[in-house]
Amino acid sequence: MRAALSSGAALERFRRMVARQGGDPRIVEDGGRLPAARQVERIDATAGGVVAAVDAERIGVAAMLPGAGRETAGAAIDPAAGVGTGRRSW
């Protein structure tokens, strides 16, 4: 795993996966090409610490409501909707 990450092979594999699914592989070099949400709600921690537990199902349902997931197989997905850290790592 470390070799694949450090050599760039993992990133190249990701690039190919994006392309094969119909996405723009240039997002790997330019995250600004990703769609942006029209509205962002930022929630900051009020104190330092660590997250001890999360309710992944509730987070998933909350993300689904604005369009980040599907309630039914034919439902549309909004590629700009989602839940994240607010940071792009690439």
N, C-alpha and C. Protein backbone atom coordinates (compact mmCIF):
# COMPACT_ATOMS: atom_id res chain seq x y z
N MET A 1 0.82 -1.17 0.00
CA MET A 1 0.00 0.00 0.00
C MET A 1 0.87 1.25 0.00
N ARG A 2 1.86 1.28 0.84
CA ARG A 2 2.74 2.46 0.89
C ARG A 2 3.44 2.67 -0.44
N ALA A 3 3.86 1.57 -1.07
CA ALA A 3 4.54 1.69 -2.36
C ALA A 3 3.59 2.23 -3.42
N ALA A 4 2.34 1.76 -3.42
CA ALA A 4 1.35 2.24 -4.40
C ALA A 4 1.05 3.72 -4.19
N LEU A 5 1.00 4.14 -2.94
CA LEU A 5 0.75 5.55 -2.66
C LEU A 5 1.95 6.41 -3.02
N SER A 6 3.12 6.00 -2.61
CA SER A 6 4.31 6.83 -2.84
C SER A 6 4.73 6.86 -4.31
N SER A 7 4.46 5.81 -5.04
CA SER A 7 4.85 5.77 -6.46
C SER A 7 3.87 6.51 -7.36
N GLY A 8 2.68 6.78 -6.84
CA GLY A 8 1.65 7.41 -7.66
C GLY A 8 0.74 6.41 -8.33
N ALA A 9 0.99 5.11 -8.16
CA ALA A 9 0.17 4.08 -8.80
C ALA A 9 -1.27 4.13 -8.29
N ALA A 10 -1.46 4.37 -7.00
CA ALA A 10 -2.81 4.43 -6.44
C ALA A 10 -3.58 5.62 -7.02
N LEU A 11 -2.91 6.74 -7.17
CA LEU A 11 -3.56 7.91 -7.74
C LEU A 11 -3.94 7.67 -9.20
N GLU A 12 -3.06 7.02 -9.93
CA GLU A 12 -3.37 6.68 -11.33
C GLU A 12 -4.54 5.72 -11.41
N ARG A 13 -4.62 4.76 -10.51
CA ARG A 13 -5.75 3.84 -10.49
C ARG A 13 -7.04 4.60 -10.21
N PHE A 14 -6.99 5.53 -9.26
CA PHE A 14 -8.16 6.34 -8.95
C PHE A 14 -8.59 7.15 -10.18
N ARG A 15 -7.62 7.74 -10.85
CA ARG A 15 -7.90 8.52 -12.06
C ARG A 15 -8.63 7.66 -13.09
N ARG A 16 -8.16 6.43 -13.29
CA ARG A 16 -8.81 5.52 -14.25
C ARG A 16 -10.21 5.13 -13.80
N MET A 17 -10.39 4.92 -12.49
CA MET A 17 -11.72 4.57 -11.97
C MET A 17 -12.71 5.71 -12.24
N VAL A 18 -12.28 6.93 -12.01
CA VAL A 18 -13.15 8.09 -12.25
C VAL A 18 -13.53 8.13 -13.73
N ALA A 19 -12.56 7.96 -14.61
CA ALA A 19 -12.82 8.02 -16.05
C ALA A 19 -13.76 6.90 -16.49
N ARG A 20 -13.56 5.70 -16.00
CA ARG A 20 -14.41 4.57 -16.39
C ARG A 20 -15.85 4.72 -15.92
N GLN A 21 -16.06 5.53 -14.89
CA GLN A 21 -17.42 5.77 -14.40
C GLN A 21 -18.03 7.02 -15.02
N GLY A 22 -17.36 7.57 -16.02
CA GLY A 22 -17.89 8.73 -16.74
C GLY A 22 -17.52 10.06 -16.14
N GLY A 23 -16.66 10.07 -15.14
CA GLY A 23 -16.24 11.33 -14.52
C GLY A 23 -15.06 11.95 -15.23
N ASP A 24 -14.72 13.14 -14.83
CA ASP A 24 -13.59 13.87 -15.39
C ASP A 24 -12.34 13.55 -14.57
N PRO A 25 -11.41 12.78 -15.11
CA PRO A 25 -10.22 12.41 -14.34
C PRO A 25 -9.32 13.59 -13.99
N ARG A 26 -9.57 14.74 -14.61
CA ARG A 26 -8.75 15.92 -14.30
C ARG A 26 -9.01 16.45 -12.91
N ILE A 27 -10.06 15.96 -12.24
CA ILE A 27 -10.33 16.41 -10.87
C ILE A 27 -9.21 16.01 -9.92
N VAL A 28 -8.43 15.00 -10.32
CA VAL A 28 -7.32 14.55 -9.47
C VAL A 28 -6.30 15.68 -9.32
N GLU A 29 -6.03 16.39 -10.39
CA GLU A 29 -5.08 17.50 -10.33
C GLU A 29 -5.75 18.82 -9.99
N ASP A 30 -7.04 18.93 -10.27
CA ASP A 30 -7.74 20.20 -10.09
C ASP A 30 -9.09 19.97 -9.43
N GLY A 31 -9.11 19.94 -8.11
CA GLY A 31 -10.35 19.73 -7.37
C GLY A 31 -11.38 20.81 -7.61
N GLY A 32 -10.97 21.95 -8.14
CA GLY A 32 -11.90 23.02 -8.46
C GLY A 32 -12.86 22.65 -9.58
N ARG A 33 -12.57 21.57 -10.29
CA ARG A 33 -13.46 21.10 -11.35
C ARG A 33 -14.69 20.37 -10.78
N LEU A 34 -14.63 20.01 -9.51
CA LEU A 34 -15.77 19.33 -8.88
C LEU A 34 -16.92 20.31 -8.71
N PRO A 35 -18.15 19.83 -8.80
CA PRO A 35 -19.28 20.73 -8.58
C PRO A 35 -19.28 21.25 -7.15
N ALA A 36 -19.72 22.48 -7.01
CA ALA A 36 -19.76 23.10 -5.68
C ALA A 36 -21.20 23.25 -5.22
N ALA A 37 -21.42 23.05 -3.95
CA ALA A 37 -22.75 23.23 -3.37
C ALA A 37 -23.14 24.70 -3.40
N ARG A 38 -24.43 24.95 -3.63
CA ARG A 38 -24.92 26.34 -3.61
C ARG A 38 -24.97 26.87 -2.19
N GLN A 39 -25.21 25.99 -1.24
CA GLN A 39 -25.30 26.38 0.16
C GLN A 39 -24.44 25.44 0.98
N VAL A 40 -23.69 25.98 1.91
CA VAL A 40 -22.83 25.19 2.78
C VAL A 40 -23.14 25.55 4.22
N GLU A 41 -23.32 24.55 5.04
CA GLU A 41 -23.55 24.76 6.46
C GLU A 41 -22.33 24.24 7.20
N ARG A 42 -21.60 25.12 7.79
CA ARG A 42 -20.38 24.75 8.51
C ARG A 42 -20.70 24.64 10.00
N ILE A 43 -20.22 23.55 10.59
CA ILE A 43 -20.42 23.34 12.02
C ILE A 43 -19.04 23.16 12.64
N ASP A 44 -18.64 24.10 13.46
CA ASP A 44 -17.32 24.06 14.09
C ASP A 44 -17.42 23.48 15.49
N ALA A 45 -16.37 22.79 15.90
CA ALA A 45 -16.30 22.26 17.26
C ALA A 45 -16.21 23.43 18.24
N THR A 46 -16.84 23.28 19.36
CA THR A 46 -16.79 24.33 20.38
C THR A 46 -15.63 24.11 21.36
N ALA A 47 -15.00 22.93 21.27
CA ALA A 47 -13.87 22.62 22.14
C ALA A 47 -13.00 21.56 21.46
N GLY A 48 -11.76 21.46 21.89
CA GLY A 48 -10.87 20.45 21.35
C GLY A 48 -11.25 19.07 21.83
N GLY A 49 -10.77 18.05 21.15
CA GLY A 49 -11.06 16.69 21.57
C GLY A 49 -11.04 15.73 20.40
N VAL A 50 -11.59 14.56 20.59
CA VAL A 50 -11.66 13.55 19.55
C VAL A 50 -13.09 13.05 19.43
N VAL A 51 -13.44 12.58 18.26
CA VAL A 51 -14.76 11.99 18.05
C VAL A 51 -14.71 10.56 18.56
N ALA A 52 -15.54 10.24 19.51
CA ALA A 52 -15.54 8.90 20.10
C ALA A 52 -16.49 7.96 19.37
N ALA A 53 -17.56 8.50 18.75
CA ALA A 53 -18.52 7.66 18.06
C ALA A 53 -19.34 8.52 17.11
N VAL A 54 -19.84 7.90 16.05
CA VAL A 54 -20.75 8.58 15.13
C VAL A 54 -21.88 7.62 14.78
N ASP A 55 -23.01 8.16 14.44
CA ASP A 55 -24.13 7.36 13.97
C ASP A 55 -24.14 7.48 12.45
N ALA A 56 -23.45 6.57 11.77
CA ALA A 56 -23.25 6.63 10.33
C ALA A 56 -24.58 6.59 9.57
N GLU A 57 -25.55 5.86 10.07
CA GLU A 57 -26.84 5.80 9.38
C GLU A 57 -27.53 7.16 9.40
N ARG A 58 -27.51 7.82 10.51
CA ARG A 58 -28.15 9.15 10.60
C ARG A 58 -27.42 10.16 9.72
N ILE A 59 -26.11 10.08 9.68
CA ILE A 59 -25.34 10.97 8.81
C ILE A 59 -25.67 10.68 7.35
N GLY A 60 -25.77 9.41 7.00
CA GLY A 60 -26.12 9.02 5.64
C GLY A 60 -27.49 9.52 5.22
N VAL A 61 -28.46 9.39 6.10
CA VAL A 61 -29.82 9.87 5.81
C VAL A 61 -29.81 11.40 5.67
N ALA A 62 -29.09 12.07 6.56
CA ALA A 62 -29.00 13.53 6.49
C ALA A 62 -28.35 13.97 5.18
N ALA A 63 -27.36 13.24 4.70
CA ALA A 63 -26.71 13.57 3.43
C ALA A 63 -27.61 13.25 2.25
N MET A 64 -28.44 12.23 2.38
CA MET A 64 -29.34 11.83 1.29
C MET A 64 -30.40 12.90 1.03
N LEU A 65 -30.89 13.55 2.06
CA LEU A 65 -31.99 14.49 1.92
C LEU A 65 -31.71 15.61 0.92
N PRO A 66 -30.52 16.24 0.92
CA PRO A 66 -30.27 17.27 -0.09
C PRO A 66 -29.78 16.71 -1.43
N GLY A 67 -29.70 15.37 -1.55
CA GLY A 67 -29.37 14.79 -2.84
C GLY A 67 -28.06 14.04 -2.94
N ALA A 68 -27.37 13.80 -1.82
CA ALA A 68 -26.08 13.10 -1.87
C ALA A 68 -26.23 11.59 -2.01
N GLY A 69 -27.43 11.08 -1.89
CA GLY A 69 -27.66 9.65 -2.03
C GLY A 69 -29.06 9.39 -2.55
N ARG A 70 -29.36 8.14 -2.77
CA ARG A 70 -30.66 7.76 -3.33
C ARG A 70 -31.52 7.04 -2.31
N GLU A 71 -32.77 7.45 -2.23
CA GLU A 71 -33.73 6.70 -1.41
C GLU A 71 -34.29 5.55 -2.23
N THR A 72 -34.40 5.75 -3.55
CA THR A 72 -34.85 4.71 -4.46
C THR A 72 -33.84 4.59 -5.60
N ALA A 73 -33.83 3.45 -6.28
CA ALA A 73 -32.83 3.18 -7.31
C ALA A 73 -32.83 4.21 -8.43
N GLY A 74 -33.97 4.75 -8.80
CA GLY A 74 -34.02 5.68 -9.91
C GLY A 74 -33.85 7.14 -9.55
N ALA A 75 -33.70 7.44 -8.28
CA ALA A 75 -33.60 8.83 -7.83
C ALA A 75 -32.30 9.47 -8.32
N ALA A 76 -32.37 10.76 -8.58
CA ALA A 76 -31.19 11.50 -9.03
C ALA A 76 -30.26 11.79 -7.86
N ILE A 77 -28.98 11.94 -8.18
CA ILE A 77 -27.97 12.31 -7.19
C ILE A 77 -27.41 13.68 -7.57
N ASP A 78 -27.26 14.54 -6.60
CA ASP A 78 -26.65 15.85 -6.81
C ASP A 78 -25.17 15.71 -6.46
N PRO A 79 -24.28 15.75 -7.46
CA PRO A 79 -22.86 15.55 -7.17
C PRO A 79 -22.23 16.63 -6.30
N ALA A 80 -22.92 17.74 -6.10
CA ALA A 80 -22.39 18.80 -5.24
C ALA A 80 -22.83 18.64 -3.79
N ALA A 81 -23.78 17.75 -3.53
CA ALA A 81 -24.29 17.57 -2.16
C ALA A 81 -23.42 16.55 -1.42
N GLY A 82 -23.33 16.70 -0.12
CA GLY A 82 -22.59 15.71 0.66
C GLY A 82 -22.21 16.21 2.03
N VAL A 83 -21.42 15.39 2.71
CA VAL A 83 -20.93 15.67 4.05
C VAL A 83 -19.42 15.51 4.00
N GLY A 84 -18.71 16.44 4.56
CA GLY A 84 -17.25 16.32 4.52
C GLY A 84 -16.58 17.18 5.55
N THR A 85 -15.27 17.20 5.48
CA THR A 85 -14.49 17.97 6.42
C THR A 85 -14.33 19.41 6.01
N GLY A 86 -14.70 19.71 4.78
CA GLY A 86 -14.52 21.08 4.28
C GLY A 86 -13.13 21.30 3.73
N ARG A 87 -12.30 20.28 3.76
CA ARG A 87 -10.94 20.38 3.22
C ARG A 87 -10.80 19.44 2.03
N ARG A 88 -10.10 19.87 1.03
CA ARG A 88 -9.77 18.99 -0.08
C ARG A 88 -8.31 18.61 0.08
N SER A 89 -8.08 17.31 0.02
CA SER A 89 -6.72 16.83 0.29
C SER A 89 -5.85 16.78 -0.95
N TRP A 90 -6.41 17.08 -2.11
CA TRP A 90 -5.56 17.05 -3.29
C TRP A 90 -5.45 18.41 -3.79
